[in-house]
Every structure is written in structure tokens, then in C-alpha cells.
Amino acid sequence: MDLLDENFLWASLFWGAIGSAYLLYGWRQRSVVPFTGGVALTIASFFLPALWMSLAGVSILLAVWWLLKQGN
């Protein structure tokens, strides 16, 4: 894995921003599910290659959506 690869940097920026937004949303709403999803997505954006990061990001977003829907 090349850390200076353009695809890795863009994917890290994109998924890290989404994860940070989920983390802040969960923090301000005092909701555990979005907060945990944001933490997982933010951490995953630093360690996974671009393809696996995208797959993990979509999976985490779908899991958070499903868990929130189950709570209603």
C-alpha cells in the first residue's frame, strides 16, 4: 500500500469526512449508533486501501441506517 497514492488520499479524505460528520452528529444528538459508526468509519479510512475502504464505508453506512430504522 502506497500512502502517497492519489486514490488512497482522495478515498481517505472522502470517507474520513463522512465518518467525522457521523461522529459529530452522534455526539451532538447523544445517539450511540451514529457515533459508533462515525468512529468506525473514521478509523477505517486511515488503514484500509481505497477499494476496501469504499466497501467498508458503504457497509458501515448501511449498517447505521438499518440499526436506526430498527429503533423507530
PDB file of N, CA and C in Angstrom:
ATOM      1  N   MET A   1       0.850  -1.174   0.000  1.00  0.00           N
ATOM      2  CA  MET A   1       0.000   0.000   0.000  1.00  0.00           C
ATOM      3  C   MET A   1       0.893   1.234   0.000  1.00  0.00           C
ATOM      4  N   ASP A   2       0.690   2.065  -0.993  1.00  0.00           N
ATOM      5  CA  ASP A   2       1.448   3.297  -1.104  1.00  0.00           C
ATOM      6  C   ASP A   2       0.641   4.429  -0.475  1.00  0.00           C
ATOM      7  N   LEU A   3       1.135   5.001   0.597  1.00  0.00           N
ATOM      8  CA  LEU A   3       0.381   6.028   1.315  1.00  0.00           C
ATOM      9  C   LEU A   3       0.294   7.339   0.558  1.00  0.00           C
ATOM     10  N   LEU A   4       1.117   7.527  -0.461  1.00  0.00           N
ATOM     11  CA  LEU A   4       1.046   8.746  -1.247  1.00  0.00           C
ATOM     12  C   LEU A   4       0.331   8.523  -2.571  1.00  0.00           C
ATOM     13  N   ASP A   5      -0.350   7.415  -2.707  1.00  0.00           N
ATOM     14  CA  ASP A   5      -1.142   7.137  -3.897  1.00  0.00           C
ATOM     15  C   ASP A   5      -2.331   8.099  -3.934  1.00  0.00           C
ATOM     16  N   GLU A   6      -2.598   8.671  -5.094  1.00  0.00           N
ATOM     17  CA  GLU A   6      -3.660   9.664  -5.222  1.00  0.00           C
ATOM     18  C   GLU A   6      -5.034   9.096  -4.853  1.00  0.00           C
ATOM     19  N   ASN A   7      -5.313   7.870  -5.275  1.00  0.00           N
ATOM     20  CA  ASN A   7      -6.608   7.257  -4.952  1.00  0.00           C
ATOM     21  C   ASN A   7      -6.782   7.049  -3.456  1.00  0.00           C
ATOM     22  N   PHE A   8      -5.710   6.629  -2.791  1.00  0.00           N
ATOM     23  CA  PHE A   8      -5.772   6.424  -1.343  1.00  0.00           C
ATOM     24  C   PHE A   8      -6.031   7.738  -0.617  1.00  0.00           C
ATOM     25  N   LEU A   9      -5.367   8.801  -1.037  1.00  0.00           N
ATOM     26  CA  LEU A   9      -5.542  10.094  -0.377  1.00  0.00           C
ATOM     27  C   LEU A   9      -6.964  10.631  -0.563  1.00  0.00           C
ATOM     28  N   TRP A  10      -7.505  10.519  -1.787  1.00  0.00           N
ATOM     29  CA  TRP A  10      -8.867  11.003  -2.026  1.00  0.00           C
ATOM     30  C   TRP A  10      -9.904  10.172  -1.281  1.00  0.00           C
ATOM     31  N   ALA A  11      -9.717   8.863  -1.285  1.00  0.00           N
ATOM     32  CA  ALA A  11     -10.657   7.996  -0.573  1.00  0.00           C
ATOM     33  C   ALA A  11     -10.585   8.253   0.928  1.00  0.00           C
ATOM     34  N   SER A  12      -9.392   8.449   1.460  1.00  0.00           N
ATOM     35  CA  SER A  12      -9.246   8.751   2.885  1.00  0.00           C
ATOM     36  C   SER A  12      -9.913  10.071   3.236  1.00  0.00           C
ATOM     37  N   LEU A  13      -9.750  11.060   2.395  1.00  0.00           N
ATOM     38  CA  LEU A  13     -10.381  12.357   2.627  1.00  0.00           C
ATOM     39  C   LEU A  13     -11.893  12.240   2.603  1.00  0.00           C
ATOM     40  N   PHE A  14     -12.423  11.559   1.591  1.00  0.00           N
ATOM     41  CA  PHE A  14     -13.868  11.429   1.416  1.00  0.00           C
ATOM     42  C   PHE A  14     -14.503  10.655   2.568  1.00  0.00           C
ATOM     43  N   TRP A  15     -14.006   9.445   2.838  1.00  0.00           N
ATOM     44  CA  TRP A  15     -14.612   8.613   3.882  1.00  0.00           C
ATOM     45  C   TRP A  15     -14.315   9.144   5.275  1.00  0.00           C
ATOM     46  N   GLY A  16     -13.168   9.778   5.454  1.00  0.00           N
ATOM     47  CA  GLY A  16     -12.871  10.398   6.745  1.00  0.00           C
ATOM     48  C   GLY A  16     -13.805  11.560   7.047  1.00  0.00           C
ATOM     49  N   ALA A  17     -14.149  12.339   6.020  1.00  0.00           N
ATOM     50  CA  ALA A  17     -15.085  13.452   6.209  1.00  0.00           C
ATOM     51  C   ALA A  17     -16.480  12.945   6.554  1.00  0.00           C
ATOM     52  N   ILE A  18     -16.933  11.911   5.866  1.00  0.00           N
ATOM     53  CA  ILE A  18     -18.249  11.344   6.169  1.00  0.00           C
ATOM     54  C   ILE A  18     -18.258  10.733   7.571  1.00  0.00           C
ATOM     55  N   GLY A  19     -17.198  10.019   7.917  1.00  0.00           N
ATOM     56  CA  GLY A  19     -17.106   9.436   9.250  1.00  0.00           C
ATOM     57  C   GLY A  19     -17.077  10.492  10.340  1.00  0.00           C
ATOM     58  N   SER A  20     -16.364  11.579  10.098  1.00  0.00           N
ATOM     59  CA  SER A  20     -16.318  12.663  11.077  1.00  0.00           C
ATOM     60  C   SER A  20     -17.678  13.322  11.244  1.00  0.00           C
ATOM     61  N   ALA A  21     -18.407  13.470  10.151  1.00  0.00           N
ATOM     62  CA  ALA A  21     -19.753  14.054  10.233  1.00  0.00           C
ATOM     63  C   ALA A  21     -20.688  13.145  11.036  1.00  0.00           C
ATOM     64  N   TYR A  22     -20.618  11.842  10.786  1.00  0.00           N
ATOM     65  CA  TYR A  22     -21.422  10.900  11.576  1.00  0.00           C
ATOM     66  C   TYR A  22     -21.030  10.964  13.052  1.00  0.00           C
ATOM     67  N   LEU A  23     -19.742  11.037  13.328  1.00  0.00           N
ATOM     68  CA  LEU A  23     -19.267  11.101  14.699  1.00  0.00           C
ATOM     69  C   LEU A  23     -19.805  12.348  15.395  1.00  0.00           C
ATOM     70  N   LEU A  24     -19.710  13.499  14.734  1.00  0.00           N
ATOM     71  CA  LEU A  24     -20.212  14.739  15.331  1.00  0.00           C
ATOM     72  C   LEU A  24     -21.725  14.715  15.493  1.00  0.00           C
ATOM     73  N   TYR A  25     -22.426  14.171  14.518  1.00  0.00           N
ATOM     74  CA  TYR A  25     -23.875  14.066  14.615  1.00  0.00           C
ATOM     75  C   TYR A  25     -24.270  13.193  15.810  1.00  0.00           C
ATOM     76  N   GLY A  26     -23.632  12.037  15.941  1.00  0.00           N
ATOM     77  CA  GLY A  26     -23.921  11.149  17.064  1.00  0.00           C
ATOM     78  C   GLY A  26     -23.589  11.777  18.399  1.00  0.00           C
ATOM     79  N   TRP A  27     -22.504  12.543  18.447  1.00  0.00           N
ATOM     80  CA  TRP A  27     -22.099  13.206  19.682  1.00  0.00           C
ATOM     81  C   TRP A  27     -23.133  14.257  20.100  1.00  0.00           C
ATOM     82  N   ARG A  28     -23.548  15.077  19.149  1.00  0.00           N
ATOM     83  CA  ARG A  28     -24.486  16.160  19.473  1.00  0.00           C
ATOM     84  C   ARG A  28     -25.897  15.662  19.753  1.00  0.00           C
ATOM     85  N   GLN A  29     -26.296  14.571  19.112  1.00  0.00           N
ATOM     86  CA  GLN A  29     -27.626  14.026  19.336  1.00  0.00           C
ATOM     87  C   GLN A  29     -27.658  13.041  20.497  1.00  0.00           C
ATOM     88  N   ARG A  30     -26.490  12.744  21.063  1.00  0.00           N
ATOM     89  CA  ARG A  30     -26.361  11.758  22.144  1.00  0.00           C
ATOM     90  C   ARG A  30     -26.919  10.401  21.710  1.00  0.00           C
ATOM     91  N   SER A  31     -26.579  10.020  20.475  1.00  0.00           N
ATOM     92  CA  SER A  31     -27.034   8.756  19.904  1.00  0.00           C
ATOM     93  C   SER A  31     -25.820   7.854  19.694  1.00  0.00           C
ATOM     94  N   VAL A  32     -25.892   6.654  20.238  1.00  0.00           N
ATOM     95  CA  VAL A  32     -24.745   5.746  20.222  1.00  0.00           C
ATOM     96  C   VAL A  32     -24.477   5.176  18.827  1.00  0.00           C
ATOM     97  N   VAL A  33     -25.525   4.842  18.087  1.00  0.00           N
ATOM     98  CA  VAL A  33     -25.341   4.165  16.798  1.00  0.00           C
ATOM     99  C   VAL A  33     -24.593   5.044  15.790  1.00  0.00           C
ATOM    100  N   PRO A  34     -25.021   6.288  15.510  1.00  0.00           N
ATOM    101  CA  PRO A  34     -24.245   7.100  14.572  1.00  0.00           C
ATOM    102  C   PRO A  34     -22.850   7.436  15.088  1.00  0.00           C
ATOM    103  N   PHE A  35     -22.712   7.607  16.398  1.00  0.00           N
ATOM    104  CA  PHE A  35     -21.399   7.907  16.963  1.00  0.00           C
ATOM    105  C   PHE A  35     -20.429   6.749  16.731  1.00  0.00           C
ATOM    106  N   THR A  36     -20.888   5.526  17.017  1.00  0.00           N
ATOM    107  CA  THR A  36     -20.045   4.344  16.817  1.00  0.00           C
ATOM    108  C   THR A  36     -19.732   4.133  15.336  1.00  0.00           C
ATOM    109  N   GLY A  37     -20.724   4.341  14.481  1.00  0.00           N
ATOM    110  CA  GLY A  37     -20.487   4.232  13.034  1.00  0.00           C
ATOM    111  C   GLY A  37     -19.484   5.261  12.554  1.00  0.00           C
ATOM    112  N   GLY A  38     -19.564   6.474  13.085  1.00  0.00           N
ATOM    113  CA  GLY A  38     -18.605   7.514  12.716  1.00  0.00           C
ATOM    114  C   GLY A  38     -17.197   7.190  13.163  1.00  0.00           C
ATOM    115  N   VAL A  39     -17.076   6.656  14.369  1.00  0.00           N
ATOM    116  CA  VAL A  39     -15.751   6.252  14.862  1.00  0.00           C
ATOM    117  C   VAL A  39     -15.176   5.141  13.981  1.00  0.00           C
ATOM    118  N   ALA A  40     -16.009   4.136  13.676  1.00  0.00           N
ATOM    119  CA  ALA A  40     -15.544   3.012  12.849  1.00  0.00           C
ATOM    120  C   ALA A  40     -15.140   3.476  11.461  1.00  0.00           C
ATOM    121  N   LEU A  41     -15.928   4.361  10.865  1.00  0.00           N
ATOM    122  CA  LEU A  41     -15.639   4.837   9.511  1.00  0.00           C
ATOM    123  C   LEU A  41     -14.395   5.715   9.488  1.00  0.00           C
ATOM    124  N   THR A  42     -14.235   6.547  10.503  1.00  0.00           N
ATOM    125  CA  THR A  42     -13.057   7.412  10.565  1.00  0.00           C
ATOM    126  C   THR A  42     -11.786   6.588  10.754  1.00  0.00           C
ATOM    127  N   ILE A  43     -11.829   5.602  11.619  1.00  0.00           N
ATOM    128  CA  ILE A  43     -10.656   4.747  11.836  1.00  0.00           C
ATOM    129  C   ILE A  43     -10.357   3.917  10.588  1.00  0.00           C
ATOM    130  N   ALA A  44     -11.397   3.382   9.951  1.00  0.00           N
ATOM    131  CA  ALA A  44     -11.197   2.571   8.755  1.00  0.00           C
ATOM    132  C   ALA A  44     -10.585   3.382   7.627  1.00  0.00           C
ATOM    133  N   SER A  45     -10.879   4.682   7.562  1.00  0.00           N
ATOM    134  CA  SER A  45     -10.357   5.491   6.468  1.00  0.00           C
ATOM    135  C   SER A  45      -8.847   5.674   6.533  1.00  0.00           C
ATOM    136  N   PHE A  46      -8.247   5.461   7.686  1.00  0.00           N
ATOM    137  CA  PHE A  46      -6.806   5.613   7.811  1.00  0.00           C
ATOM    138  C   PHE A  46      -6.029   4.347   7.463  1.00  0.00           C
ATOM    139  N   PHE A  47      -6.663   3.190   7.570  1.00  0.00           N
ATOM    140  CA  PHE A  47      -5.902   1.944   7.482  1.00  0.00           C
ATOM    141  C   PHE A  47      -6.207   1.087   6.261  1.00  0.00           C
ATOM    142  N   LEU A  48      -7.349   1.268   5.630  1.00  0.00           N
ATOM    143  CA  LEU A  48      -7.729   0.400   4.521  1.00  0.00           C
ATOM    144  C   LEU A  48      -7.352   1.001   3.172  1.00  0.00           C
ATOM    145  N   PRO A  49      -6.978   0.161   2.193  1.00  0.00           N
ATOM    146  CA  PRO A  49      -6.754   0.660   0.841  1.00  0.00           C
ATOM    147  C   PRO A  49      -8.057   1.218   0.247  1.00  0.00           C
ATOM    148  N   ALA A  50      -7.956   1.947  -0.842  1.00  0.00           N
ATOM    149  CA  ALA A  50      -9.088   2.697  -1.398  1.00  0.00           C
ATOM    150  C   ALA A  50     -10.304   1.811  -1.705  1.00  0.00           C
ATOM    151  N   LEU A  51     -10.123   0.673  -2.356  1.00  0.00           N
ATOM    152  CA  LEU A  51     -11.257  -0.188  -2.701  1.00  0.00           C
ATOM    153  C   LEU A  51     -11.915  -0.751  -1.445  1.00  0.00           C
ATOM    154  N   TRP A  52     -11.117  -1.286  -0.537  1.00  0.00           N
ATOM    155  CA  TRP A  52     -11.676  -1.880   0.680  1.00  0.00           C
ATOM    156  C   TRP A  52     -12.268  -0.806   1.585  1.00  0.00           C
ATOM    157  N   MET A  53     -11.681   0.393   1.534  1.00  0.00           N
ATOM    158  CA  MET A  53     -12.223   1.492   2.310  1.00  0.00           C
ATOM    159  C   MET A  53     -13.614   1.867   1.805  1.00  0.00           C
ATOM    160  N   SER A  54     -13.782   1.900   0.506  1.00  0.00           N
ATOM    161  CA  SER A  54     -15.088   2.221  -0.070  1.00  0.00           C
ATOM    162  C   SER A  54     -16.119   1.151   0.289  1.00  0.00           C
ATOM    163  N   LEU A  55     -15.724  -0.102   0.182  1.00  0.00           N
ATOM    164  CA  LEU A  55     -16.643  -1.183   0.543  1.00  0.00           C
ATOM    165  C   LEU A  55     -16.993  -1.152   2.031  1.00  0.00           C
ATOM    166  N   ALA A  56     -16.001  -0.907   2.883  1.00  0.00           N
ATOM    167  CA  ALA A  56     -16.247  -0.823   4.318  1.00  0.00           C
ATOM    168  C   ALA A  56     -17.108   0.393   4.647  1.00  0.00           C
ATOM    169  N   GLY A  57     -16.862   1.498   3.980  1.00  0.00           N
ATOM    170  CA  GLY A  57     -17.646   2.702   4.221  1.00  0.00           C
ATOM    171  C   GLY A  57     -19.106   2.516   3.879  1.00  0.00           C
ATOM    172  N   VAL A  58     -19.372   1.937   2.726  1.00  0.00           N
ATOM    173  CA  VAL A  58     -20.757   1.684   2.328  1.00  0.00           C
ATOM    174  C   VAL A  58     -21.410   0.697   3.289  1.00  0.00           C
ATOM    175  N   SER A  59     -20.673  -0.320   3.702  1.00  0.00           N
ATOM    176  CA  SER A  59     -21.214  -1.303   4.645  1.00  0.00           C
ATOM    177  C   SER A  59     -21.556  -0.662   5.986  1.00  0.00           C
ATOM    178  N   ILE A  60     -20.680   0.193   6.493  1.00  0.00           N
ATOM    179  CA  ILE A  60     -20.926   0.855   7.770  1.00  0.00           C
ATOM    180  C   ILE A  60     -22.120   1.803   7.667  1.00  0.00           C
ATOM    181  N   LEU A  61     -22.208   2.552   6.560  1.00  0.00           N
ATOM    182  CA  LEU A  61     -23.345   3.457   6.382  1.00  0.00           C
ATOM    183  C   LEU A  61     -24.657   2.695   6.309  1.00  0.00           C
ATOM    184  N   LEU A  62     -24.669   1.578   5.592  1.00  0.00           N
ATOM    185  CA  LEU A  62     -25.882   0.761   5.517  1.00  0.00           C
ATOM    186  C   LEU A  62     -26.234   0.158   6.880  1.00  0.00           C
ATOM    187  N   ALA A  63     -25.227  -0.259   7.639  1.00  0.00           N
ATOM    188  CA  ALA A  63     -25.483  -0.827   8.962  1.00  0.00           C
ATOM    189  C   ALA A  63     -26.065   0.223   9.902  1.00  0.00           C
ATOM    190  N   VAL A  64     -25.527   1.437   9.864  1.00  0.00           N
ATOM    191  CA  VAL A  64     -26.060   2.508  10.707  1.00  0.00           C
ATOM    192  C   VAL A  64     -27.495   2.821  10.313  1.00  0.00           C
ATOM    193  N   TRP A  65     -27.761   2.913   9.020  1.00  0.00           N
ATOM    194  CA  TRP A  65     -29.123   3.184   8.534  1.00  0.00           C
ATOM    195  C   TRP A  65     -30.090   2.093   9.001  1.00  0.00           C
ATOM    196  N   TRP A  66     -29.666   0.834   8.867  1.00  0.00           N
ATOM    197  CA  TRP A  66     -30.532  -0.274   9.264  1.00  0.00           C
ATOM    198  C   TRP A  66     -30.796  -0.267  10.766  1.00  0.00           C
ATOM    199  N   LEU A  67     -29.734  -0.025  11.563  1.00  0.00           N
ATOM    200  CA  LEU A  67     -29.899  -0.003  13.017  1.00  0.00           C
ATOM    201  C   LEU A  67     -30.800   1.156  13.458  1.00  0.00           C
ATOM    202  N   LEU A  68     -30.668   2.303  12.815  1.00  0.00           N
ATOM    203  CA  LEU A  68     -31.537   3.427  13.151  1.00  0.00           C
ATOM    204  C   LEU A  68     -32.981   3.144  12.773  1.00  0.00           C
ATOM    205  N   LYS A  69     -33.175   2.463  11.655  1.00  0.00           N
ATOM    206  CA  LYS A  69     -34.532   2.121  11.219  1.00  0.00           C
ATOM    207  C   LYS A  69     -35.166   1.109  12.174  1.00  0.00           C
ATOM    208  N   GLN A  70     -34.377   0.205  12.747  1.00  0.00           N
ATOM    209  CA  GLN A  70     -34.895  -0.778  13.690  1.00  0.00           C
ATOM    210  C   GLN A  70     -35.341  -0.127  14.995  1.00  0.00           C
ATOM    211  N   GLY A  71     -34.726   1.006  15.330  1.00  0.00           N
ATOM    212  CA  GLY A  71     -35.070   1.677  16.580  1.00  0.00           C
ATOM    213  C   GLY A  71     -36.355   2.464  16.516  1.00  0.00           C
ATOM    214  N   ASN A  72     -36.867   2.737  15.327  1.00  0.00           N
ATOM    215  CA  ASN A  72     -38.106   3.543  15.204  1.00  0.00           C
ATOM    216  C   ASN A  72     -39.309   2.745  15.467  1.00  0.00           C
TER     217      ASN A  72
END
